[in-house]
C-alpha atoms as a PDB file:
ATOM      1  CA  TYR A   1      87.265  61.303  78.690  1.00  0.00           C
ATOM      2  CA  GLN A   2      89.535  61.373  75.502  1.00  0.00           C
ATOM      3  CA  GLY A   3      92.561  59.833  74.142  1.00  0.00           C
ATOM      4  CA  ALA A   4      93.320  56.604  72.354  1.00  0.00           C
ATOM      5  CA  MET A   5      92.655  54.551  75.562  1.00  0.00           C
ATOM      6  CA  CYS A   6      90.139  57.033  77.046  1.00  0.00           C
ATOM      7  CA  GLU A   7      92.783  58.046  79.710  1.00  0.00           C
ATOM      8  CA  GLN A   8      92.582  61.697  79.758  1.00  0.00           C
ATOM      9  CA  LYS A   9      89.823  63.409  81.578  1.00  0.00           C
ATOM     10  CA  ILE A  10      88.423  66.383  79.995  1.00  0.00           C
ATOM     11  CA  ASP A  11      88.302  69.630  81.883  1.00  0.00           C
ATOM     12  CA  PRO A  12      85.144  71.579  81.109  1.00  0.00           C
ATOM     13  CA  CYS A  13      86.709  74.811  82.573  1.00  0.00           C
ATOM     14  CA  ALA A  14      89.916  74.486  80.389  1.00  0.00           C
ATOM     15  CA  SER A  15      88.202  76.689  77.593  1.00  0.00           C
ATOM     16  CA  GLY A  16      87.410  79.305  80.077  1.00  0.00           C
ATOM     17  CA  PRO A  17      83.559  79.422  79.793  1.00  0.00           C
ATOM     18  CA  CYS A  18      83.010  81.792  82.525  1.00  0.00           C
ATOM     19  CA  HIS A  19      83.303  85.625  81.872  1.00  0.00           C
ATOM     20  CA  ASN A  20      84.229  88.789  83.816  1.00  0.00           C
ATOM     21  CA  ASN A  21      86.929  87.062  86.069  1.00  0.00           C
ATOM     22  CA  ALA A  22      84.168  84.454  87.446  1.00  0.00           C
ATOM     23  CA  SER A  23      85.708  81.235  88.750  1.00  0.00           C
ATOM     24  CA  CYS A  24      84.668  77.787  86.980  1.00  0.00           C
ATOM     25  CA  SER A  25      84.049  74.683  88.816  1.00  0.00           C
ATOM     26  CA  PRO A  26      83.449  71.264  87.043  1.00  0.00           C
ATOM     27  CA  GLN A  27      79.942  69.703  87.948  1.00  0.00           C
ATOM     28  CA  GLY A  28      78.962  66.147  87.739  1.00  0.00           C
ATOM     29  CA  ALA A  29      80.954  63.270  85.782  1.00  0.00           C
ATOM     30  CA  GLY A  30      80.312  64.850  82.325  1.00  0.00           C
ATOM     31  CA  LEU A  31      81.117  68.078  80.825  1.00  0.00           C
ATOM     32  CA  GLY A  32      79.042  70.207  83.130  1.00  0.00           C
ATOM     33  CA  PHE A  33      80.332  73.310  84.902  1.00  0.00           C
ATOM     34  CA  SER A  34      79.204  76.105  87.053  1.00  0.00           C
ATOM     35  CA  CYS A  35      80.252  79.724  87.384  1.00  0.00           C
ATOM     36  CA  THR A  36      80.764  81.702  90.564  1.00  0.00           C
ATOM     37  CA  CYS A  37      80.135  85.432  89.466  1.00  0.00           C
ATOM     38  CA  PRO A  38      81.719  88.455  90.832  1.00  0.00           C
ATOM     39  CA  ALA A  39      79.440  91.102  92.193  1.00  0.00           C
ATOM     40  CA  GLY A  40      77.612  93.053  89.451  1.00  0.00           C
ATOM     41  CA  PHE A  41      77.379  89.961  87.002  1.00  0.00           C
ATOM     42  CA  THR A  42      74.791  87.359  86.458  1.00  0.00           C
ATOM     43  CA  GLY A  43      73.809  84.547  84.132  1.00  0.00           C
ATOM     44  CA  PRO A  44      75.083  80.954  83.583  1.00  0.00           C
ATOM     45  CA  THR A  45      78.597  82.187  82.274  1.00  0.00           C
ATOM     46  CA  CYS A  46      78.590  85.632  84.222  1.00  0.00           C
ATOM     47  CA  ALA A  47      78.253  87.458  80.917  1.00  0.00           C
ATOM     48  CA  GLN A  48      75.232  89.555  81.838  1.00  0.00           C
ATOM     49  CA  LEU A  49      75.270  92.865  83.980  1.00  0.00           C
ATOM     50  CA  VAL A  50      72.910  92.670  86.929  1.00  0.00           C
ATOM     51  CA  ASP A  51      70.131  95.283  86.469  1.00  0.00           C
ATOM     52  CA  PHE A  52      70.009  96.779  89.862  1.00  0.00           C
ATOM     53  CA  CYS A  53      67.557  99.339  88.830  1.00  0.00           C
ATOM     54  CA  ALA A  54      64.777  96.479  87.889  1.00  0.00           C
ATOM     55  CA  LEU A  55      64.337  96.020  91.705  1.00  0.00           C
ATOM     56  CA  ASN A  56      63.376  99.757  92.076  1.00  0.00           C
ATOM     57  CA  PRO A  57      65.782 100.198  95.004  1.00  0.00           C
ATOM     58  CA  CYS A  58      65.342 104.073  95.173  1.00  0.00           C
ATOM     59  CA  ALA A  59      62.313 104.977  97.562  1.00  0.00           C
ATOM     60  CA  HIS A  60      61.953 108.539  96.411  1.00  0.00           C
ATOM     61  CA  GLY A  61      64.308 109.127  93.329  1.00  0.00           C
ATOM     62  CA  ILE A  62      65.405 107.787  90.004  1.00  0.00           C
ATOM     63  CA  CYS A  63      67.662 104.893  89.633  1.00  0.00           C
ATOM     64  CA  ARG A  64      70.669 105.066  87.262  1.00  0.00           C
ATOM     65  CA  SER A  65      73.010 102.179  86.393  1.00  0.00           C
ATOM     66  CA  VAL A  66      76.796 103.000  87.177  1.00  0.00           C
ATOM     67  CA  GLY A  67      79.120 100.259  86.109  1.00  0.00           C
ATOM     68  CA  THR A  68      78.292  97.231  88.329  1.00  0.00           C
ATOM     69  CA  SER A  69      76.247  99.010  90.742  1.00  0.00           C
ATOM     70  CA  TYR A  70      73.617 101.928  90.807  1.00  0.00           C
ATOM     71  CA  ARG A  71      72.877 105.369  92.185  1.00  0.00           C
ATOM     72  CA  CYS A  72      69.789 106.962  93.252  1.00  0.00           C
ATOM     73  CA  LEU A  73      69.030 110.461  92.080  1.00  0.00           C
ATOM     74  CA  CYS A  74      66.632 111.989  94.771  1.00  0.00           C
ATOM     75  CA  VAL A  75      63.693 113.946  94.097  1.00  0.00           C
ATOM     76  CA  PRO A  76      63.722 117.389  95.731  1.00  0.00           C
END
């Protein structure tokens, strides 16, 4: 809370802490918040791209990151 009489509740989402069009939700009684990330983004504030290729999704090919997704380049 803030204000001369502590009458104004502080909104932890007012500063826009979540990135990449993620939605922000206040958490708990303090200044906590959580971000719900859109597809392809991760991290506490959704600022990091998901590395799909780190999971080795391509059975017989090479993985290439493409924007917020991936593509498999198949071996002959």
